[in-house]
Amino acid sequence: MRSYSQYCSVAKALDVVGDRWTLLIVRELLARGQSRYTDLRAGLPGIATNLLADRLRELETAGLLDRVAAPPPVATTVFQLTPRGEALGGVIRELGQWGVPLMAEYRPDDSFRGQWLRLPVRTFLADHEPGQPAVSIQIRADDQIVMIDVGAGEVSLRLEADPHPDAVIAGSPPSVLALFSGHIPLSSAAERGLEVTGSTEAVARILPRRPYGGTTD
């Protein structure tokens, strides 16, 4: 890894995490937790196998991740962030929020993975009715399925499917993001190609009360 050779904390940080793909590997580990090599490959479409291996070694050398022998039934090596690596979570969140206006540009060949909704869920959604019973909402975006759990004032995302969700939202990633960010009202979801089935009350419970800054249209 090349160095900027500057006595500046920004330059020194970029010496460690400034190479291509590095912060996206951190994003995946923040979103998924402990991950197998194959999990990381699946979450980083376009990365070469040898480059992923190189970046993981560099992150390990820098003290940002550990390799752990997972017990059965996984029984393989998994990667996890160290506390120093987890401290990059704030950087990832700020980059994600800064990049929201750029999401207006969507190309049909853009890749999408369900775990990438974790940041929008944390940024845009809230439990506006914490006194009500817990609900779950299934999100179907392209071929990806994730669950949003809502209850006791908390909104969280999990990657496994639920056979009996309270509501289902299905549509393209840009339309889902526009709904989550308040740029599509729930009443106009169908006009933007979103299919909402089940409890619309459960969906309305988490949506922002006003559009998030920037645009996703």
C-alpha atoms as a PDB file:
ATOM      1  CA  MET A   1       0.000   0.000   0.000  1.00  0.00           C
ATOM      2  CA  ARG A   2       1.404   3.342  -1.026  1.00  0.00           C
ATOM      3  CA  SER A   3       1.594   6.165   1.470  1.00  0.00           C
ATOM      4  CA  TYR A   4       0.903   9.857   1.036  1.00  0.00           C
ATOM      5  CA  SER A   5       3.874  10.457   3.377  1.00  0.00           C
ATOM      6  CA  GLN A   6       2.105  13.395   5.003  1.00  0.00           C
ATOM      7  CA  TYR A   7       2.034  14.160   8.717  1.00  0.00           C
ATOM      8  CA  CYS A   8      -1.723  14.688   8.709  1.00  0.00           C
ATOM      9  CA  SER A   9      -4.357  12.470  10.316  1.00  0.00           C
ATOM     10  CA  VAL A  10      -6.539  12.518   7.162  1.00  0.00           C
ATOM     11  CA  ALA A  11      -3.619  11.427   4.990  1.00  0.00           C
ATOM     12  CA  LYS A  12      -2.580   8.750   7.472  1.00  0.00           C
ATOM     13  CA  ALA A  13      -6.151   7.431   7.647  1.00  0.00           C
ATOM     14  CA  LEU A  14      -6.281   7.255   3.859  1.00  0.00           C
ATOM     15  CA  ASP A  15      -2.978   5.396   3.869  1.00  0.00           C
ATOM     16  CA  VAL A  16      -4.919   2.620   5.636  1.00  0.00           C
ATOM     17  CA  VAL A  17      -8.429   2.756   4.156  1.00  0.00           C
ATOM     18  CA  GLY A  18      -8.087   4.869   1.020  1.00  0.00           C
ATOM     19  CA  ASP A  19      -7.493   2.072  -1.487  1.00  0.00           C
ATOM     20  CA  ARG A  20     -10.333   0.987  -3.774  1.00  0.00           C
ATOM     21  CA  TRP A  21     -12.751  -1.530  -2.194  1.00  0.00           C
ATOM     22  CA  THR A  22     -11.355  -1.162   1.336  1.00  0.00           C
ATOM     23  CA  LEU A  23     -14.210   0.883   2.805  1.00  0.00           C
ATOM     24  CA  LEU A  24     -16.754  -1.282   0.976  1.00  0.00           C
ATOM     25  CA  ILE A  25     -15.307  -4.349   2.715  1.00  0.00           C
ATOM     26  CA  VAL A  26     -15.760  -2.486   5.998  1.00  0.00           C
ATOM     27  CA  ARG A  27     -19.327  -1.640   4.937  1.00  0.00           C
ATOM     28  CA  GLU A  28     -20.077  -5.324   4.379  1.00  0.00           C
ATOM     29  CA  LEU A  29     -18.657  -6.384   7.731  1.00  0.00           C
ATOM     30  CA  LEU A  30     -20.611  -3.645   9.496  1.00  0.00           C
ATOM     31  CA  ALA A  31     -23.801  -4.717   7.719  1.00  0.00           C
ATOM     32  CA  ARG A  32     -23.390  -8.475   8.069  1.00  0.00           C
ATOM     33  CA  GLY A  33     -21.241  -8.985  11.137  1.00  0.00           C
ATOM     34  CA  GLN A  34     -19.035 -12.078  10.983  1.00  0.00           C
ATOM     35  CA  SER A  35     -18.739 -13.067   7.326  1.00  0.00           C
ATOM     36  CA  ARG A  36     -17.233 -15.876   5.326  1.00  0.00           C
ATOM     37  CA  TYR A  37     -15.015 -15.092   2.362  1.00  0.00           C
ATOM     38  CA  THR A  38     -17.843 -16.194   0.048  1.00  0.00           C
ATOM     39  CA  ASP A  39     -20.257 -13.830   1.839  1.00  0.00           C
ATOM     40  CA  LEU A  40     -17.908 -10.926   1.192  1.00  0.00           C
ATOM     41  CA  ARG A  41     -17.470 -11.903  -2.461  1.00  0.00           C
ATOM     42  CA  ALA A  42     -21.255 -12.005  -2.882  1.00  0.00           C
ATOM     43  CA  GLY A  43     -21.626  -8.583  -1.270  1.00  0.00           C
ATOM     44  CA  LEU A  44     -18.894  -6.991  -3.404  1.00  0.00           C
ATOM     45  CA  PRO A  45     -19.902  -7.652  -7.019  1.00  0.00           C
ATOM     46  CA  GLY A  46     -17.088  -6.781  -9.377  1.00  0.00           C
ATOM     47  CA  ILE A  47     -14.140  -7.351  -7.044  1.00  0.00           C
ATOM     48  CA  ALA A  48     -11.457  -9.782  -8.216  1.00  0.00           C
ATOM     49  CA  THR A  49     -10.755 -12.738  -5.946  1.00  0.00           C
ATOM     50  CA  ASN A  50      -7.064 -11.925  -5.560  1.00  0.00           C
ATOM     51  CA  LEU A  51      -7.819  -8.267  -4.814  1.00  0.00           C
ATOM     52  CA  LEU A  52     -10.303  -9.186  -2.077  1.00  0.00           C
ATOM     53  CA  ALA A  53      -7.706 -11.491  -0.526  1.00  0.00           C
ATOM     54  CA  ASP A  54      -5.109  -8.698  -0.670  1.00  0.00           C
ATOM     55  CA  ARG A  55      -7.441  -6.152   0.918  1.00  0.00           C
ATOM     56  CA  LEU A  56      -8.403  -8.543   3.721  1.00  0.00           C
ATOM     57  CA  ARG A  57      -4.723  -9.151   4.503  1.00  0.00           C
ATOM     58  CA  GLU A  58      -4.067  -5.405   4.546  1.00  0.00           C
ATOM     59  CA  LEU A  59      -7.005  -4.773   6.888  1.00  0.00           C
ATOM     60  CA  GLU A  60      -5.822  -7.561   9.164  1.00  0.00           C
ATOM     61  CA  THR A  61      -2.266  -6.178   9.211  1.00  0.00           C
ATOM     62  CA  ALA A  62      -3.666  -2.734  10.044  1.00  0.00           C
ATOM     63  CA  GLY A  63      -5.564  -4.204  12.999  1.00  0.00           C
ATOM     64  CA  LEU A  64      -9.009  -3.520  11.546  1.00  0.00           C
ATOM     65  CA  LEU A  65     -10.227  -7.090  11.225  1.00  0.00           C
ATOM     66  CA  ASP A  66      -9.599 -10.558  12.638  1.00  0.00           C
ATOM     67  CA  ARG A  67      -9.905 -14.033  11.194  1.00  0.00           C
ATOM     68  CA  VAL A  68     -11.876 -16.347  13.451  1.00  0.00           C
ATOM     69  CA  ALA A  69     -12.429 -20.104  13.226  1.00  0.00           C
ATOM     70  CA  ALA A  70     -16.214 -20.450  13.379  1.00  0.00           C
ATOM     71  CA  PRO A  71     -17.631 -23.530  15.144  1.00  0.00           C
ATOM     72  CA  PRO A  72     -19.973 -26.020  13.427  1.00  0.00           C
ATOM     73  CA  PRO A  73     -22.188 -25.908  11.472  1.00  0.00           C
ATOM     74  CA  VAL A  74     -20.225 -23.098   9.776  1.00  0.00           C
ATOM     75  CA  ALA A  75     -16.845 -24.717  10.525  1.00  0.00           C
ATOM     76  CA  THR A  76     -14.783 -22.314   8.441  1.00  0.00           C
ATOM     77  CA  THR A  77     -12.797 -19.122   8.797  1.00  0.00           C
ATOM     78  CA  VAL A  78     -14.876 -15.977   9.153  1.00  0.00           C
ATOM     79  CA  PHE A  79     -13.843 -12.347   9.205  1.00  0.00           C
ATOM     80  CA  GLN A  80     -14.953  -9.800  11.775  1.00  0.00           C
ATOM     81  CA  LEU A  81     -14.077  -6.201  12.518  1.00  0.00           C
ATOM     82  CA  THR A  82     -11.971  -5.356  15.533  1.00  0.00           C
ATOM     83  CA  PRO A  83     -13.060  -2.443  17.757  1.00  0.00           C
ATOM     84  CA  ARG A  84     -10.704  -0.271  15.698  1.00  0.00           C
ATOM     85  CA  GLY A  85     -12.451  -1.417  12.527  1.00  0.00           C
ATOM     86  CA  GLU A  86     -15.921  -0.930  14.008  1.00  0.00           C
ATOM     87  CA  ALA A  87     -14.935   2.651  14.783  1.00  0.00           C
ATOM     88  CA  LEU A  88     -15.151   3.282  11.035  1.00  0.00           C
ATOM     89  CA  GLY A  89     -18.924   2.932  11.311  1.00  0.00           C
ATOM     90  CA  GLY A  90     -19.324   6.680  11.733  1.00  0.00           C
ATOM     91  CA  VAL A  91     -17.258   7.289   8.605  1.00  0.00           C
ATOM     92  CA  ILE A  92     -19.429   4.886   6.606  1.00  0.00           C
ATOM     93  CA  ARG A  93     -22.632   6.509   7.898  1.00  0.00           C
ATOM     94  CA  GLU A  94     -21.438  10.013   7.033  1.00  0.00           C
ATOM     95  CA  LEU A  95     -20.365   8.923   3.549  1.00  0.00           C
ATOM     96  CA  GLY A  96     -23.708   7.208   3.039  1.00  0.00           C
ATOM     97  CA  GLN A  97     -25.689  10.255   4.106  1.00  0.00           C
ATOM     98  CA  TRP A  98     -23.508  12.556   2.011  1.00  0.00           C
ATOM     99  CA  GLY A  99     -24.130  10.298  -0.978  1.00  0.00           C
ATOM    100  CA  VAL A 100     -27.941  10.255  -0.730  1.00  0.00           C
ATOM    101  CA  PRO A 101     -28.422  12.975  -3.412  1.00  0.00           C
ATOM    102  CA  LEU A 102     -26.224  10.922  -5.747  1.00  0.00           C
ATOM    103  CA  MET A 103     -28.745   8.089  -5.565  1.00  0.00           C
ATOM    104  CA  ALA A 104     -30.869  10.036  -8.061  1.00  0.00           C
ATOM    105  CA  GLU A 105     -28.644   8.439 -10.700  1.00  0.00           C
ATOM    106  CA  TYR A 106     -29.655   4.815 -11.139  1.00  0.00           C
ATOM    107  CA  ARG A 107     -28.445   2.625 -13.979  1.00  0.00           C
ATOM    108  CA  PRO A 108     -30.152  -0.681 -14.795  1.00  0.00           C
ATOM    109  CA  ASP A 109     -26.818  -2.489 -14.553  1.00  0.00           C
ATOM    110  CA  ASP A 110     -26.117  -1.169 -11.036  1.00  0.00           C
ATOM    111  CA  SER A 111     -25.749  -4.039  -8.560  1.00  0.00           C
ATOM    112  CA  PHE A 112     -27.845  -4.142  -5.412  1.00  0.00           C
ATOM    113  CA  ARG A 113     -27.689  -6.232  -2.239  1.00  0.00           C
ATOM    114  CA  GLY A 114     -30.276  -6.341   0.508  1.00  0.00           C
ATOM    115  CA  GLN A 115     -27.828  -5.559   3.305  1.00  0.00           C
ATOM    116  CA  TRP A 116     -27.126  -2.200   1.673  1.00  0.00           C
ATOM    117  CA  LEU A 117     -30.530  -1.083   2.976  1.00  0.00           C
ATOM    118  CA  ARG A 118     -29.207  -1.192   6.536  1.00  0.00           C
ATOM    119  CA  LEU A 119     -27.902   2.389   6.357  1.00  0.00           C
ATOM    120  CA  PRO A 120     -31.116   3.837   4.811  1.00  0.00           C
ATOM    121  CA  VAL A 121     -33.151   2.006   7.464  1.00  0.00           C
ATOM    122  CA  ARG A 122     -31.066   3.603  10.216  1.00  0.00           C
ATOM    123  CA  THR A 123     -31.040   7.008   8.524  1.00  0.00           C
ATOM    124  CA  PHE A 124     -34.628   7.440   7.363  1.00  0.00           C
ATOM    125  CA  LEU A 125     -36.938   5.191   9.365  1.00  0.00           C
ATOM    126  CA  ALA A 126     -38.215   5.423  12.931  1.00  0.00           C
ATOM    127  CA  ASP A 127     -40.864   3.767  15.070  1.00  0.00           C
ATOM    128  CA  HIS A 128     -43.412   6.565  15.381  1.00  0.00           C
ATOM    129  CA  GLU A 129     -45.777   4.408  17.450  1.00  0.00           C
ATOM    130  CA  PRO A 130     -43.544   2.717  20.041  1.00  0.00           C
ATOM    131  CA  GLY A 131     -46.508   1.799  22.216  1.00  0.00           C
ATOM    132  CA  GLN A 132     -48.035  -0.430  19.538  1.00  0.00           C
ATOM    133  CA  PRO A 133     -47.295  -4.185  19.138  1.00  0.00           C
ATOM    134  CA  ALA A 134     -44.175  -5.166  17.212  1.00  0.00           C
ATOM    135  CA  VAL A 135     -44.517  -5.676  13.460  1.00  0.00           C
ATOM    136  CA  SER A 136     -42.326  -6.978  10.647  1.00  0.00           C
ATOM    137  CA  ILE A 137     -42.164  -5.687   7.081  1.00  0.00           C
ATOM    138  CA  GLN A 138     -40.678  -7.678   4.222  1.00  0.00           C
ATOM    139  CA  ILE A 139     -38.779  -5.741   1.557  1.00  0.00           C
ATOM    140  CA  ARG A 140     -38.430  -7.227  -1.919  1.00  0.00           C
ATOM    141  CA  ALA A 141     -36.075  -5.146  -4.060  1.00  0.00           C
ATOM    142  CA  ASP A 142     -34.993  -6.775  -7.311  1.00  0.00           C
ATOM    143  CA  ASP A 143     -34.231 -10.359  -6.252  1.00  0.00           C
ATOM    144  CA  GLN A 144     -33.210  -9.397  -2.723  1.00  0.00           C
ATOM    145  CA  ILE A 145     -35.377 -10.020   0.351  1.00  0.00           C
ATOM    146  CA  VAL A 146     -34.797  -8.479   3.778  1.00  0.00           C
ATOM    147  CA  MET A 147     -36.928  -7.926   6.853  1.00  0.00           C
ATOM    148  CA  ILE A 148     -37.525  -4.753   8.824  1.00  0.00           C
ATOM    149  CA  ASP A 149     -38.493  -5.331  12.451  1.00  0.00           C
ATOM    150  CA  VAL A 150     -40.312  -2.566  14.315  1.00  0.00           C
ATOM    151  CA  GLY A 151     -41.118  -2.430  18.001  1.00  0.00           C
ATOM    152  CA  ALA A 152     -40.542  -0.613  21.296  1.00  0.00           C
ATOM    153  CA  GLY A 153     -39.227   2.444  19.482  1.00  0.00           C
ATOM    154  CA  GLU A 154     -36.604   0.529  17.481  1.00  0.00           C
ATOM    155  CA  VAL A 155     -36.315  -0.219  13.758  1.00  0.00           C
ATOM    156  CA  SER A 156     -33.818  -2.850  12.619  1.00  0.00           C
ATOM    157  CA  LEU A 157     -33.002  -4.889   9.531  1.00  0.00           C
ATOM    158  CA  ARG A 158     -32.273  -8.591   9.256  1.00  0.00           C
ATOM    159  CA  LEU A 159     -31.279 -10.582   6.210  1.00  0.00           C
ATOM    160  CA  GLU A 160     -33.389 -13.721   6.579  1.00  0.00           C
ATOM    161  CA  ALA A 161     -36.923 -13.909   5.210  1.00  0.00           C
ATOM    162  CA  ASP A 162     -40.031 -14.191   7.367  1.00  0.00           C
ATOM    163  CA  PRO A 163     -42.911 -16.357   6.066  1.00  0.00           C
ATOM    164  CA  HIS A 164     -45.565 -14.274   7.814  1.00  0.00           C
ATOM    165  CA  PRO A 165     -44.732 -10.546   7.642  1.00  0.00           C
ATOM    166  CA  ASP A 166     -47.298  -7.928   8.560  1.00  0.00           C
ATOM    167  CA  ALA A 167     -46.653  -6.108   5.295  1.00  0.00           C
ATOM    168  CA  VAL A 168     -44.643  -6.518   2.096  1.00  0.00           C
ATOM    169  CA  ILE A 169     -43.070  -3.759   0.003  1.00  0.00           C
ATOM    170  CA  ALA A 170     -41.891  -4.840  -3.456  1.00  0.00           C
ATOM    171  CA  GLY A 171     -40.278  -2.740  -6.171  1.00  0.00           C
ATOM    172  CA  SER A 172     -37.040  -1.447  -7.611  1.00  0.00           C
ATOM    173  CA  PRO A 173     -34.259  -0.285  -5.269  1.00  0.00           C
ATOM    174  CA  PRO A 174     -34.649   3.395  -6.284  1.00  0.00           C
ATOM    175  CA  SER A 175     -38.382   3.309  -5.583  1.00  0.00           C
ATOM    176  CA  VAL A 176     -37.877   1.626  -2.215  1.00  0.00           C
ATOM    177  CA  LEU A 177     -35.270   4.233  -1.287  1.00  0.00           C
ATOM    178  CA  ALA A 178     -37.543   7.069  -2.417  1.00  0.00           C
ATOM    179  CA  LEU A 179     -40.338   5.728  -0.197  1.00  0.00           C
ATOM    180  CA  PHE A 180     -37.987   5.302   2.761  1.00  0.00           C
ATOM    181  CA  SER A 181     -36.604   8.825   2.387  1.00  0.00           C
ATOM    182  CA  GLY A 182     -40.047  10.401   2.213  1.00  0.00           C
ATOM    183  CA  HIS A 183     -39.845  11.444  -1.438  1.00  0.00           C
ATOM    184  CA  ILE A 184     -42.730   9.143  -2.349  1.00  0.00           C
ATOM    185  CA  PRO A 185     -45.829   9.302  -0.132  1.00  0.00           C
ATOM    186  CA  LEU A 186     -47.295   5.922   0.688  1.00  0.00           C
ATOM    187  CA  SER A 187     -50.486   6.933  -1.115  1.00  0.00           C
ATOM    188  CA  SER A 188     -48.514   7.289  -4.374  1.00  0.00           C
ATOM    189  CA  ALA A 189     -46.427   4.118  -4.036  1.00  0.00           C
ATOM    190  CA  ALA A 190     -48.296   2.211  -6.743  1.00  0.00           C
ATOM    191  CA  GLU A 191     -47.788   5.056  -9.215  1.00  0.00           C
ATOM    192  CA  ARG A 192     -44.025   4.660  -8.773  1.00  0.00           C
ATOM    193  CA  GLY A 193     -44.085   0.918  -9.329  1.00  0.00           C
ATOM    194  CA  LEU A 194     -44.155  -0.125  -5.678  1.00  0.00           C
ATOM    195  CA  GLU A 195     -46.493  -2.876  -4.548  1.00  0.00           C
ATOM    196  CA  VAL A 196     -47.496  -2.631  -0.894  1.00  0.00           C
ATOM    197  CA  THR A 197     -49.531  -5.511   0.507  1.00  0.00           C
ATOM    198  CA  GLY A 198     -50.672  -6.343   4.006  1.00  0.00           C
ATOM    199  CA  SER A 199     -50.885  -3.710   6.723  1.00  0.00           C
ATOM    200  CA  THR A 200     -50.361  -0.230   5.322  1.00  0.00           C
ATOM    201  CA  GLU A 201     -50.550   0.978   8.931  1.00  0.00           C
ATOM    202  CA  ALA A 202     -47.376  -0.983   9.702  1.00  0.00           C
ATOM    203  CA  VAL A 203     -45.601   0.668   6.764  1.00  0.00           C
ATOM    204  CA  ALA A 204     -46.851   4.171   7.597  1.00  0.00           C
ATOM    205  CA  ARG A 205     -45.625   3.662  11.162  1.00  0.00           C
ATOM    206  CA  ILE A 206     -41.962   3.809  10.105  1.00  0.00           C
ATOM    207  CA  LEU A 207     -41.924   6.254   7.191  1.00  0.00           C
ATOM    208  CA  PRO A 208     -40.461   9.748   7.661  1.00  0.00           C
ATOM    209  CA  ARG A 209     -42.907  12.557   8.338  1.00  0.00           C
ATOM    210  CA  ARG A 210     -41.096  14.832   5.902  1.00  0.00           C
ATOM    211  CA  PRO A 211     -38.710  14.198   2.964  1.00  0.00           C
ATOM    212  CA  TYR A 212     -35.050  13.688   3.798  1.00  0.00           C
ATOM    213  CA  GLY A 213     -32.720  16.424   2.470  1.00  0.00           C
ATOM    214  CA  GLY A 214     -31.621  15.960  -1.128  1.00  0.00           C
ATOM    215  CA  THR A 215     -33.550  14.009  -3.718  1.00  0.00           C
ATOM    216  CA  THR A 216     -33.958  10.428  -4.825  1.00  0.00           C
ATOM    217  CA  ASP A 217     -36.264  11.211  -7.773  1.00  0.00           C
END
